[in-house]
């Protein structure tokens, strides 16, 4: 059984200086001859360059990802965690001074990352904090503790201040945590927009 094809309908050449009528010999043909194709070709160059640039960017991204050290992944996870803390506490005032303002907010850690790296990704240990309190007042810890007692209670503050087992995250764990915190942040921001 053979399928009969309908004869192609005549088209006008896409090249403005030609506009000759022709019957396409293949699907998608828009010009009447190779000469017109050469004239029409540069029109596609920007799209082709953009496609090649996109491929190159993706390739560079993949290569950069392979070169990342554990410290780079830890930094990525910390950024994702901090963004989630700021999104989680978006409606709350600064944990230390209790004010709302138009300035920059951080994810301020009660127990510092340097002194207690095992608590760096503990949600009870990090809260939205204004830049002046975090940077210029070294966390404004006395007021931070008072506010923390009101928010999470004495028992949990005592747990934060107690001893903790050191944690050594693998690169795979860090990648998973980064993806998780980014997803949580997207969900919170999607909820704000709705």
Protein backbone atom coordinates (compact mmCIF):
# COMPACT_ATOMS: atom_id res chain seq x y z
CA UNK A 1 0.00 0.00 0.00
CA UNK A 2 1.48 3.32 -1.05
CA UNK A 3 0.50 6.69 0.30
CA UNK A 4 -0.12 9.31 -2.28
CA UNK A 5 1.20 12.74 -1.46
CA UNK A 6 -0.55 15.88 -2.44
CA UNK A 7 1.45 18.09 -4.77
CA UNK A 8 3.09 21.02 -2.94
CA UNK A 9 1.41 24.39 -3.27
CA UNK A 10 3.39 27.20 -4.88
CA UNK A 11 5.02 29.70 -2.47
CA UNK A 12 6.61 33.10 -2.84
CA UNK A 13 10.34 33.34 -2.19
CA UNK A 14 11.08 34.88 1.24
CA UNK A 15 13.89 37.09 -0.12
CA UNK A 16 12.42 40.59 -0.54
CA UNK A 17 14.34 41.37 -3.74
CA UNK A 18 13.21 38.12 -5.43
CA UNK A 19 9.64 37.23 -4.38
CA UNK A 20 9.50 34.67 -7.22
CA UNK A 21 6.85 31.97 -7.12
CA UNK A 22 8.20 28.40 -6.72
CA UNK A 23 7.06 24.91 -5.75
CA UNK A 24 9.00 23.73 -2.63
CA UNK A 25 10.94 20.51 -3.12
CA UNK A 26 11.25 19.82 0.64
CA UNK A 27 9.34 20.65 3.81
CA UNK A 28 10.14 24.05 5.30
CA UNK A 29 11.73 25.41 2.14
CA UNK A 30 11.24 29.19 2.11
CA UNK A 31 13.49 30.36 -0.73
CA UNK A 32 13.44 29.53 -4.43
CA UNK A 33 17.12 28.87 -5.14
CA UNK A 34 20.58 28.45 -3.57
CA UNK A 35 21.38 32.06 -4.53
CA UNK A 36 18.38 33.30 -2.53
CA UNK A 37 19.37 30.95 0.33
CA UNK A 38 22.77 32.73 0.52
CA UNK A 39 20.99 36.08 0.70
CA UNK A 40 18.52 34.78 3.35
CA UNK A 41 21.18 32.94 5.43
CA UNK A 42 22.57 35.85 7.49
CA UNK A 43 19.09 36.38 8.90
CA UNK A 44 19.57 33.17 10.93
CA UNK A 45 23.10 33.99 12.14
CA UNK A 46 22.09 35.71 15.42
CA UNK A 47 19.94 32.72 16.45
CA UNK A 48 22.75 30.31 15.57
CA UNK A 49 25.30 32.36 17.53
CA UNK A 50 22.96 32.46 20.54
CA UNK A 51 22.42 28.68 20.38
CA UNK A 52 26.18 28.09 20.26
CA UNK A 53 26.74 30.51 23.15
CA UNK A 54 24.08 28.68 25.22
CA UNK A 55 25.79 25.34 24.56
CA UNK A 56 29.16 26.86 25.54
CA UNK A 57 27.72 28.32 28.78
CA UNK A 58 26.22 24.96 29.75
CA UNK A 59 29.52 23.24 29.04
CA UNK A 60 31.42 25.76 31.18
CA UNK A 61 28.90 25.33 34.00
CA UNK A 62 29.38 21.55 33.94
CA UNK A 63 33.18 21.91 33.96
CA UNK A 64 33.06 24.43 36.84
CA UNK A 65 30.84 22.10 38.84
CA UNK A 66 33.39 19.30 38.43
CA UNK A 67 36.19 21.58 39.69
CA UNK A 68 34.36 22.61 42.87
CA UNK A 69 35.99 21.68 46.14
CA UNK A 70 34.17 20.57 49.28
CA UNK A 71 34.61 24.12 50.63
CA UNK A 72 32.89 25.53 47.53
CA UNK A 73 29.95 23.18 48.06
CA UNK A 74 29.84 24.14 51.75
CA UNK A 75 29.67 27.81 50.73
CA UNK A 76 26.82 27.07 48.27
CA UNK A 77 24.90 25.21 50.97
CA UNK A 78 25.44 28.05 53.44
CA UNK A 79 24.10 30.58 50.91
CA UNK A 80 21.03 28.43 50.22
CA UNK A 81 20.43 27.92 53.97
CA UNK A 82 20.78 31.65 54.69
CA UNK A 83 18.36 32.55 51.87
CA UNK A 84 15.85 30.07 53.32
CA UNK A 85 16.20 31.58 56.82
CA UNK A 86 15.55 35.08 55.44
CA UNK A 87 12.52 33.81 53.50
CA UNK A 88 11.22 31.81 56.49
CA UNK A 89 11.44 34.85 58.79
CA UNK A 90 10.39 37.45 56.18
CA UNK A 91 7.52 38.82 58.29
CA UNK A 92 9.44 38.74 61.58
CA UNK A 93 11.49 41.67 62.87
CA UNK A 94 15.25 41.47 63.54
CA UNK A 95 15.83 38.82 66.20
CA UNK A 96 18.21 41.10 68.15
CA UNK A 97 16.78 44.63 68.03
CA UNK A 98 13.15 43.76 67.19
CA UNK A 99 12.77 46.39 64.49
CA UNK A 100 11.61 46.29 60.89
CA UNK A 101 13.53 48.46 58.42
CA UNK A 102 14.30 48.75 54.72
CA UNK A 103 17.96 47.78 55.08
CA UNK A 104 19.71 44.50 54.47
CA UNK A 105 18.91 41.40 56.50
CA UNK A 106 21.17 38.42 57.21
CA UNK A 107 20.67 34.96 58.60
CA UNK A 108 22.27 35.66 61.97
CA UNK A 109 23.55 32.63 63.88
CA UNK A 110 23.15 32.63 67.68
CA UNK A 111 26.06 30.22 68.09
CA UNK A 112 28.57 31.39 65.47
CA UNK A 113 29.59 29.21 62.56
CA UNK A 114 33.27 29.66 63.47
CA UNK A 115 32.84 28.55 67.08
CA UNK A 116 30.14 25.93 66.45
CA UNK A 117 30.32 24.65 62.87
CA UNK A 118 28.12 21.71 63.83
CA UNK A 119 25.19 24.16 64.27
CA UNK A 120 25.69 26.07 61.01
CA UNK A 121 22.65 24.42 59.37
CA UNK A 122 20.50 24.16 62.52
CA UNK A 123 17.25 26.12 61.91
CA UNK A 124 16.87 26.94 65.63
CA UNK A 125 20.34 28.55 65.62
CA UNK A 126 19.76 30.99 62.73
CA UNK A 127 17.21 33.80 62.52
CA UNK A 128 16.61 36.90 60.41
CA UNK A 129 18.88 39.63 61.74
CA UNK A 130 19.51 43.17 60.49
CA UNK A 131 22.95 43.99 59.12
CA UNK A 132 23.78 46.56 61.86
CA UNK A 133 23.12 44.02 64.63
CA UNK A 134 24.96 41.20 62.85
CA UNK A 135 27.96 43.15 61.54
CA UNK A 136 28.46 46.12 63.83
CA UNK A 137 27.22 44.74 67.15
CA UNK A 138 28.72 41.23 66.73
CA UNK A 139 25.25 39.70 66.65
CA UNK A 140 23.88 41.80 69.55
CA UNK A 141 23.89 38.50 71.47
CA UNK A 142 22.35 39.63 74.77
CA UNK A 143 19.20 40.85 73.02
CA UNK A 144 19.38 37.88 70.61
CA UNK A 145 19.25 35.46 73.58
CA UNK A 146 16.31 37.28 75.18
CA UNK A 147 14.37 37.14 71.91
CA UNK A 148 15.36 33.52 71.35
CA UNK A 149 14.01 32.55 74.79
CA UNK A 150 10.66 34.09 73.79
CA UNK A 151 10.62 32.41 70.36
CA UNK A 152 11.77 28.86 71.08
CA UNK A 153 11.80 28.51 74.88
CA UNK A 154 14.42 27.94 77.56
CA UNK A 155 14.82 24.20 76.92
CA UNK A 156 15.79 24.64 73.25
CA UNK A 157 18.12 27.57 74.03
CA UNK A 158 19.84 25.40 76.65
CA UNK A 159 20.20 22.65 74.00
CA UNK A 160 21.77 25.16 71.56
CA UNK A 161 24.21 26.32 74.26
CA UNK A 162 25.15 22.74 75.20
CA UNK A 163 27.77 20.48 73.63
CA UNK A 164 27.22 19.06 70.14
CA UNK A 165 28.87 16.33 68.12
CA UNK A 166 31.01 17.57 65.22
CA UNK A 167 29.59 17.00 61.73
CA UNK A 168 31.60 16.35 58.58
CA UNK A 169 29.35 16.63 55.52
CA UNK A 170 30.24 14.85 52.30
CA UNK A 171 30.02 16.65 48.95
CA UNK A 172 26.92 14.60 48.07
CA UNK A 173 25.22 15.54 51.37
CA UNK A 174 26.04 19.21 50.77
CA UNK A 175 24.62 19.08 47.23
CA UNK A 176 21.43 17.45 48.54
CA UNK A 177 21.10 20.05 51.32
CA UNK A 178 21.66 22.89 48.85
CA UNK A 179 18.92 21.55 46.57
CA UNK A 180 16.59 21.05 49.55
CA UNK A 181 17.04 24.60 50.91
CA UNK A 182 16.65 26.14 47.46
CA UNK A 183 13.41 24.19 46.96
CA UNK A 184 12.13 25.29 50.40
CA UNK A 185 12.97 28.92 49.58
CA UNK A 186 11.13 28.69 46.24
CA UNK A 187 8.07 27.26 48.01
CA UNK A 188 8.08 30.08 50.58
CA UNK A 189 8.45 32.75 47.88
CA UNK A 190 5.71 31.11 45.80
CA UNK A 191 3.45 31.28 48.86
CA UNK A 192 4.21 35.00 49.31
CA UNK A 193 3.37 35.72 45.67
CA UNK A 194 0.03 33.91 45.85
